[in-house]
């Protein structure tokens, strides 16, 4: 069993995704010899605005499972509707930093009929996340079981990680998308001393390549490594922990993958918060991830407690369903 009583602070990106579709092909409007004078406009057929960002997605998943996570991040004054949505789903938004001058981070993307993509990312208020100190939040909500530090403004990630080390807060290192942009020094600082490191299999190799550490070197610096393996499930290993491998949930009909990893993290942390074993935590995460991959949008899924428990039973059997089902609300 894992003793993880206390608050859950989720410190990572908060953003909205603006997604559009162009029925033609971008390539038909591009003249290679004139790209230095590029000026094009595409008439799109639809616009979907989705709530996103890793902190928002993970917090939503925790709230749906009946916990009350604390959202830590920076947003603009345009965050009102998104905030109301999260609060209705059990998320504590009382401690977010609101920028008076910048909009909430925004991803704007257009796909064409060949799935070619033209996109822009505006970090906006996210750059002010580096101004957030964790201790005043902890003073208000209580000692944290975990602080999850996910992809965000790099300076914010470094500040939160260092504060966790200094103050003795257990933290989950989840560098994710920042691994592509960070150098070895940044990555080493974000990982060293983490209670749990969560990555997918590709990201685990990026860490080793950029830091110069071997897999054993990484393991010496964190208590547990949780590696998601896509359709193969998840692997958990630790210095004093026998390897645990949990298969993915059964009978999944994939539709759209955005936010699947965030959902796994939410389910995993929820079960740790309930004091369940690592195996049960992985099973909870895999089932929650299944709901997301079957839905368009990282926060558009829903289920009843009975439906969630039945899906656990179908994938992992009666005993896990009974243990986890006591807590799902």
Protein backbone atom coordinates (compact mmCIF):
# COMPACT_ATOMS: atom_id res chain seq x y z
CA UNK A 1 0.00 0.00 0.00
CA UNK A 2 1.12 3.58 -0.60
CA UNK A 3 0.68 6.22 2.07
CA UNK A 4 -0.24 9.32 0.07
CA UNK A 5 -2.71 11.12 2.29
CA UNK A 6 -2.74 14.87 1.78
CA UNK A 7 -3.48 17.37 -0.95
CA UNK A 8 -2.56 16.87 -4.60
CA UNK A 9 -1.01 19.92 -6.27
CA UNK A 10 -0.97 19.80 -10.08
CA UNK A 11 1.55 22.30 -11.46
CA UNK A 12 1.72 22.34 -15.26
CA UNK A 13 0.35 24.03 -18.36
CA UNK A 14 -3.18 25.43 -18.63
CA UNK A 15 -4.31 26.18 -22.18
CA UNK A 16 -7.12 26.12 -24.70
CA UNK A 17 -6.89 24.39 -28.08
CA UNK A 18 -8.50 26.01 -31.13
CA UNK A 19 -8.75 23.32 -33.80
CA UNK A 20 -9.88 23.87 -37.39
CA UNK A 21 -10.22 21.72 -40.50
CA UNK A 22 -9.49 22.72 -44.10
CA UNK A 23 -11.07 20.35 -46.65
CA UNK A 24 -8.41 20.90 -49.31
CA UNK A 25 -4.65 20.42 -49.29
CA UNK A 26 -2.23 23.05 -48.05
CA UNK A 27 0.28 21.86 -50.64
CA UNK A 28 -1.99 23.02 -53.47
CA UNK A 29 -1.62 26.61 -52.29
CA UNK A 30 2.12 26.61 -51.67
CA UNK A 31 4.71 27.60 -54.27
CA UNK A 32 8.06 26.32 -53.10
CA UNK A 33 10.04 29.00 -54.97
CA UNK A 34 7.98 31.75 -53.28
CA UNK A 35 7.94 30.56 -49.65
CA UNK A 36 9.97 33.61 -48.59
CA UNK A 37 6.98 35.73 -49.72
CA UNK A 38 4.35 33.43 -48.23
CA UNK A 39 0.90 34.95 -47.77
CA UNK A 40 -1.98 32.47 -47.75
CA UNK A 41 -5.40 32.15 -46.18
CA UNK A 42 -7.53 29.02 -45.88
CA UNK A 43 -11.31 28.92 -45.52
CA UNK A 44 -12.00 26.37 -42.79
CA UNK A 45 -15.22 24.49 -42.21
CA UNK A 46 -15.31 24.14 -38.45
CA UNK A 47 -13.81 25.35 -35.21
CA UNK A 48 -13.54 23.33 -32.04
CA UNK A 49 -12.40 25.03 -28.84
CA UNK A 50 -11.21 22.45 -26.34
CA UNK A 51 -10.10 22.91 -22.79
CA UNK A 52 -6.59 21.56 -22.37
CA UNK A 53 -3.13 21.92 -20.94
CA UNK A 54 -1.61 19.13 -18.87
CA UNK A 55 -2.57 20.63 -15.50
CA UNK A 56 -6.15 21.17 -16.61
CA UNK A 57 -6.46 17.65 -18.05
CA UNK A 58 -4.95 15.89 -15.03
CA UNK A 59 -6.96 17.96 -12.55
CA UNK A 60 -10.17 17.28 -14.46
CA UNK A 61 -9.51 13.52 -14.34
CA UNK A 62 -8.84 13.61 -10.60
CA UNK A 63 -12.00 15.60 -10.02
CA UNK A 64 -14.12 13.23 -12.09
CA UNK A 65 -12.88 10.36 -9.90
CA UNK A 66 -14.03 12.18 -6.77
CA UNK A 67 -10.86 13.90 -5.52
CA UNK A 68 -10.27 17.63 -5.11
CA UNK A 69 -6.94 18.45 -6.77
CA UNK A 70 -5.37 21.88 -6.45
CA UNK A 71 -4.65 23.53 -9.80
CA UNK A 72 -1.32 25.40 -9.87
CA UNK A 73 -0.57 27.50 -12.92
CA UNK A 74 -0.91 30.86 -14.64
CA UNK A 75 -3.87 32.00 -16.74
CA UNK A 76 -5.30 35.17 -18.24
CA UNK A 77 -8.46 37.05 -17.33
CA UNK A 78 -10.16 35.10 -20.14
CA UNK A 79 -10.05 31.94 -18.01
CA UNK A 80 -13.49 32.42 -16.44
CA UNK A 81 -15.52 29.85 -18.41
CA UNK A 82 -12.76 27.24 -18.22
CA UNK A 83 -12.41 27.84 -14.48
CA UNK A 84 -16.13 27.36 -13.92
CA UNK A 85 -15.99 24.07 -15.85
CA UNK A 86 -13.13 22.75 -13.72
CA UNK A 87 -14.74 23.85 -10.47
CA UNK A 88 -17.96 22.07 -11.43
CA UNK A 89 -15.86 18.92 -11.77
CA UNK A 90 -14.25 19.18 -8.35
CA UNK A 91 -11.04 21.12 -9.04
CA UNK A 92 -9.74 23.71 -6.56
CA UNK A 93 -8.92 26.78 -8.68
CA UNK A 94 -8.47 29.20 -5.77
CA UNK A 95 -4.70 29.38 -6.13
CA UNK A 96 -4.10 29.98 -9.83
CA UNK A 97 -2.12 33.05 -10.85
CA UNK A 98 -4.14 35.41 -13.05
CA UNK A 99 -2.14 37.66 -15.38
CA UNK A 100 -3.53 41.18 -15.79
CA UNK A 101 -1.95 41.60 -19.22
CA UNK A 102 -1.67 38.22 -20.99
CA UNK A 103 -4.24 35.76 -22.30
CA UNK A 104 -4.38 32.13 -21.24
CA UNK A 105 -1.99 30.00 -23.31
CA UNK A 106 -3.49 28.99 -26.63
CA UNK A 107 -2.78 26.37 -29.26
CA UNK A 108 -4.22 27.25 -32.69
CA UNK A 109 -4.12 24.51 -35.29
CA UNK A 110 -5.52 23.81 -38.77
CA UNK A 111 -5.42 20.33 -40.34
CA UNK A 112 -6.02 19.72 -44.01
CA UNK A 113 -7.54 16.67 -45.71
CA UNK A 114 -4.16 14.85 -45.68
CA UNK A 115 -3.70 15.56 -41.94
CA UNK A 116 -0.94 18.06 -42.71
CA UNK A 117 -0.94 20.65 -39.96
CA UNK A 118 -0.22 24.34 -39.58
CA UNK A 119 -0.16 25.40 -35.95
CA UNK A 120 0.93 28.11 -33.56
CA UNK A 121 1.35 28.09 -29.77
CA UNK A 122 0.97 31.26 -27.74
CA UNK A 123 2.38 30.76 -24.20
CA UNK A 124 0.81 33.96 -22.90
CA UNK A 125 0.18 33.89 -19.17
CA UNK A 126 2.04 30.59 -18.84
CA UNK A 127 5.31 32.54 -18.74
CA UNK A 128 4.19 34.01 -15.40
CA UNK A 129 3.94 30.59 -13.75
CA UNK A 130 7.55 31.14 -12.66
CA UNK A 131 6.21 33.71 -10.18
CA UNK A 132 4.23 31.09 -8.23
CA UNK A 133 5.54 30.00 -4.81
CA UNK A 134 4.19 26.69 -3.54
CA UNK A 135 4.41 27.28 0.23
CA UNK A 136 1.52 29.77 0.48
CA UNK A 137 -0.65 27.26 -1.38
CA UNK A 138 0.43 24.44 0.94
CA UNK A 139 -0.28 26.65 3.95
CA UNK A 140 -3.85 27.05 2.67
CA UNK A 141 -4.62 23.46 1.56
CA UNK A 142 -2.40 21.36 3.80
CA UNK A 143 0.74 19.29 3.37
CA UNK A 144 0.77 17.73 -0.10
CA UNK A 145 0.75 14.01 -0.73
CA UNK A 146 2.35 14.89 -4.04
CA UNK A 147 3.18 17.89 -6.18
CA UNK A 148 3.04 16.88 -9.83
CA UNK A 149 5.35 19.08 -11.89
CA UNK A 150 4.41 18.73 -15.53
CA UNK A 151 5.31 20.58 -18.75
CA UNK A 152 5.06 24.32 -18.21
CA UNK A 153 7.24 27.40 -18.46
CA UNK A 154 10.74 25.89 -17.94
CA UNK A 155 11.66 28.43 -15.28
CA UNK A 156 8.46 27.60 -13.41
CA UNK A 157 9.25 23.89 -13.57
CA UNK A 158 12.72 24.49 -12.18
CA UNK A 159 11.42 26.74 -9.41
CA UNK A 160 8.73 24.30 -8.31
CA UNK A 161 11.14 21.34 -8.41
CA UNK A 162 13.76 23.13 -6.35
CA UNK A 163 11.16 24.27 -3.81
CA UNK A 164 9.91 20.70 -3.44
CA UNK A 165 13.44 19.50 -2.75
CA UNK A 166 14.08 22.30 -0.25
CA UNK A 167 10.82 21.93 1.63
CA UNK A 168 10.62 18.16 1.48
CA UNK A 169 7.45 17.95 -0.62
CA UNK A 170 7.20 14.64 -2.47
CA UNK A 171 7.04 15.42 -6.17
CA UNK A 172 6.18 13.64 -9.38
CA UNK A 173 8.47 14.58 -12.27
CA UNK A 174 6.50 14.64 -15.51
CA UNK A 175 8.65 16.63 -17.98
CA UNK A 176 6.82 15.25 -21.04
CA UNK A 177 6.79 17.73 -23.94
CA UNK A 178 9.59 19.83 -22.46
CA UNK A 179 12.02 16.96 -23.04
CA UNK A 180 12.12 17.85 -26.73
CA UNK A 181 13.28 21.40 -25.99
CA UNK A 182 15.23 21.05 -22.77
CA UNK A 183 18.95 20.35 -22.63
CA UNK A 184 20.57 17.76 -20.41
CA UNK A 185 21.18 20.19 -17.55
CA UNK A 186 17.52 21.22 -17.38
CA UNK A 187 16.30 17.62 -17.53
CA UNK A 188 18.71 16.48 -14.81
CA UNK A 189 17.45 19.22 -12.48
CA UNK A 190 13.80 18.36 -13.14
CA UNK A 191 14.26 14.66 -12.36
CA UNK A 192 16.78 14.45 -9.53
CA UNK A 193 15.09 13.61 -6.22
CA UNK A 194 11.64 12.87 -7.63
CA UNK A 195 9.56 10.36 -5.72
CA UNK A 196 8.02 9.25 -9.04
CA UNK A 197 9.16 9.84 -12.62
CA UNK A 198 6.43 9.36 -15.25
CA UNK A 199 7.27 9.16 -18.95
CA UNK A 200 6.35 7.16 -21.99
CA UNK A 201 8.89 4.72 -23.41
CA UNK A 202 10.23 7.11 -26.04
CA UNK A 203 10.67 9.88 -23.46
CA UNK A 204 12.65 7.56 -21.20
CA UNK A 205 15.19 7.12 -24.01
CA UNK A 206 15.30 10.89 -24.63
CA UNK A 207 16.15 11.41 -20.96
CA UNK A 208 19.04 8.95 -21.14
CA UNK A 209 20.36 10.43 -24.38
CA UNK A 210 20.22 14.08 -23.28
CA UNK A 211 21.41 13.62 -19.70
CA UNK A 212 24.10 11.06 -20.46
CA UNK A 213 22.65 8.89 -17.68
CA UNK A 214 22.08 5.18 -18.05
CA UNK A 215 18.79 3.62 -17.00
CA UNK A 216 20.44 2.65 -13.70
CA UNK A 217 21.65 6.22 -13.21
CA UNK A 218 18.09 7.48 -13.60
CA UNK A 219 16.79 4.86 -11.19
CA UNK A 220 19.31 5.93 -8.55
CA UNK A 221 17.84 9.44 -8.60
CA UNK A 222 14.14 8.61 -8.29
CA UNK A 223 12.20 6.21 -6.08
CA UNK A 224 9.88 4.91 -8.79
CA UNK A 225 9.80 5.00 -12.57
CA UNK A 226 6.41 4.69 -14.23
CA UNK A 227 6.68 4.11 -17.99
CA UNK A 228 3.56 4.09 -20.14
CA UNK A 229 3.73 1.71 -23.09
CA UNK A 230 0.72 2.72 -25.18
CA UNK A 231 -1.42 -0.25 -26.15
CA UNK A 232 0.92 -2.51 -24.14
CA UNK A 233 -0.03 -0.87 -20.85
CA UNK A 234 2.45 0.36 -18.22
CA UNK A 235 5.62 -0.73 -16.44
CA UNK A 236 6.59 0.30 -12.89
CA UNK A 237 10.04 -0.24 -11.45
CA UNK A 238 12.04 1.01 -8.50
CA UNK A 239 15.23 0.49 -6.53
CA UNK A 240 13.39 -1.52 -3.87
CA UNK A 241 10.42 -2.46 -6.02
CA UNK A 242 9.93 -5.56 -8.13
CA UNK A 243 8.91 -4.73 -11.69
CA UNK A 244 5.15 -4.45 -12.12
CA UNK A 245 3.63 -4.72 -15.59
CA UNK A 246 -0.04 -3.93 -16.10
CA UNK A 247 -1.73 -4.44 -19.49
CA UNK A 248 -3.88 -1.73 -21.04
CA UNK A 249 -7.63 -1.79 -20.51
CA UNK A 250 -9.50 -4.20 -22.77
CA UNK A 251 -11.90 -3.51 -25.64
CA UNK A 252 -10.73 0.03 -26.36
CA UNK A 253 -11.96 1.73 -29.53
CA UNK A 254 -9.43 4.50 -30.21
CA UNK A 255 -10.75 7.74 -31.66
CA UNK A 256 -8.31 10.52 -30.70
CA UNK A 257 -5.21 10.30 -28.47
CA UNK A 258 -4.91 13.84 -27.11
CA UNK A 259 -4.80 13.83 -23.31
CA UNK A 260 -4.52 10.06 -22.88
CA UNK A 261 -1.28 10.30 -20.90
CA UNK A 262 -2.76 13.01 -18.69
CA UNK A 263 -5.73 10.78 -17.92
CA UNK A 264 -3.42 7.92 -16.93
CA UNK A 265 -1.59 10.24 -14.55
CA UNK A 266 -4.89 11.34 -13.01
CA UNK A 267 -6.05 7.78 -12.41
CA UNK A 268 -2.67 6.70 -11.10
CA UNK A 269 -2.45 9.58 -8.61
CA UNK A 270 -6.07 9.14 -7.56
CA UNK A 271 -5.45 5.53 -6.53
CA UNK A 272 -2.28 6.49 -4.66
CA UNK A 273 -4.33 9.15 -2.89
CA UNK A 274 -6.77 6.43 -1.84
CA UNK A 275 -3.87 4.43 -0.40
CA UNK A 276 -4.07 1.63 -2.96
CA UNK A 277 -1.18 -0.45 -4.32
CA UNK A 278 0.91 0.50 -7.34
CA UNK A 279 -0.76 -2.24 -9.38
CA UNK A 280 -4.22 -0.88 -8.56
CA UNK A 281 -3.01 2.64 -9.35
CA UNK A 282 -1.83 1.54 -12.80
CA UNK A 283 -5.11 -0.25 -13.45
CA UNK A 284 -7.10 2.84 -12.48
CA UNK A 285 -4.95 4.97 -14.76
CA UNK A 286 -5.31 2.61 -17.71
CA UNK A 287 -9.11 2.54 -17.46
CA UNK A 288 -9.38 6.33 -17.22
CA UNK A 289 -7.04 6.63 -20.22
CA UNK A 290 -9.34 4.32 -22.19
CA UNK A 291 -12.22 6.76 -21.79
CA UNK A 292 -10.11 9.60 -23.15
CA UNK A 293 -8.77 7.78 -26.19
CA UNK A 294 -12.37 6.92 -27.13
CA UNK A 295 -13.42 10.59 -27.03
CA UNK A 296 -12.55 13.66 -29.09
CA UNK A 297 -11.11 16.15 -26.61
CA UNK A 298 -9.14 15.55 -23.39
CA UNK A 299 -11.96 16.63 -21.05
CA UNK A 300 -15.09 15.53 -22.89
CA UNK A 301 -15.52 12.04 -21.41
CA UNK A 302 -17.97 11.03 -18.69
CA UNK A 303 -19.06 7.91 -16.84
CA UNK A 304 -20.90 6.81 -13.74
CA UNK A 305 -19.09 5.14 -10.86
CA UNK A 306 -20.84 1.88 -11.74
CA UNK A 307 -19.69 2.10 -15.37
CA UNK A 308 -16.10 2.76 -14.34
CA UNK A 309 -16.07 -0.17 -11.92
CA UNK A 310 -17.62 -2.49 -14.51
CA UNK A 311 -14.91 -1.53 -16.98
CA UNK A 312 -12.29 -2.28 -14.33
CA UNK A 313 -13.90 -5.68 -13.81
CA UNK A 314 -13.94 -6.47 -17.52
CA UNK A 315 -10.26 -5.56 -17.88
CA UNK A 316 -8.71 -6.75 -14.63
CA UNK A 317 -11.17 -8.94 -12.73
CA UNK A 318 -13.41 -8.86 -9.68
CA UNK A 319 -10.79 -8.20 -7.01
CA UNK A 320 -9.35 -4.98 -8.52
CA UNK A 321 -12.88 -3.76 -9.30
CA UNK A 322 -13.96 -4.33 -5.69
CA UNK A 323 -10.90 -2.62 -4.20
CA UNK A 324 -10.94 0.41 -6.46
CA UNK A 325 -14.73 0.62 -6.57
CA UNK A 326 -14.86 1.52 -2.87
CA UNK A 327 -13.36 4.92 -3.70
CA UNK A 328 -14.66 5.93 -7.15
CA UNK A 329 -17.36 8.56 -6.77
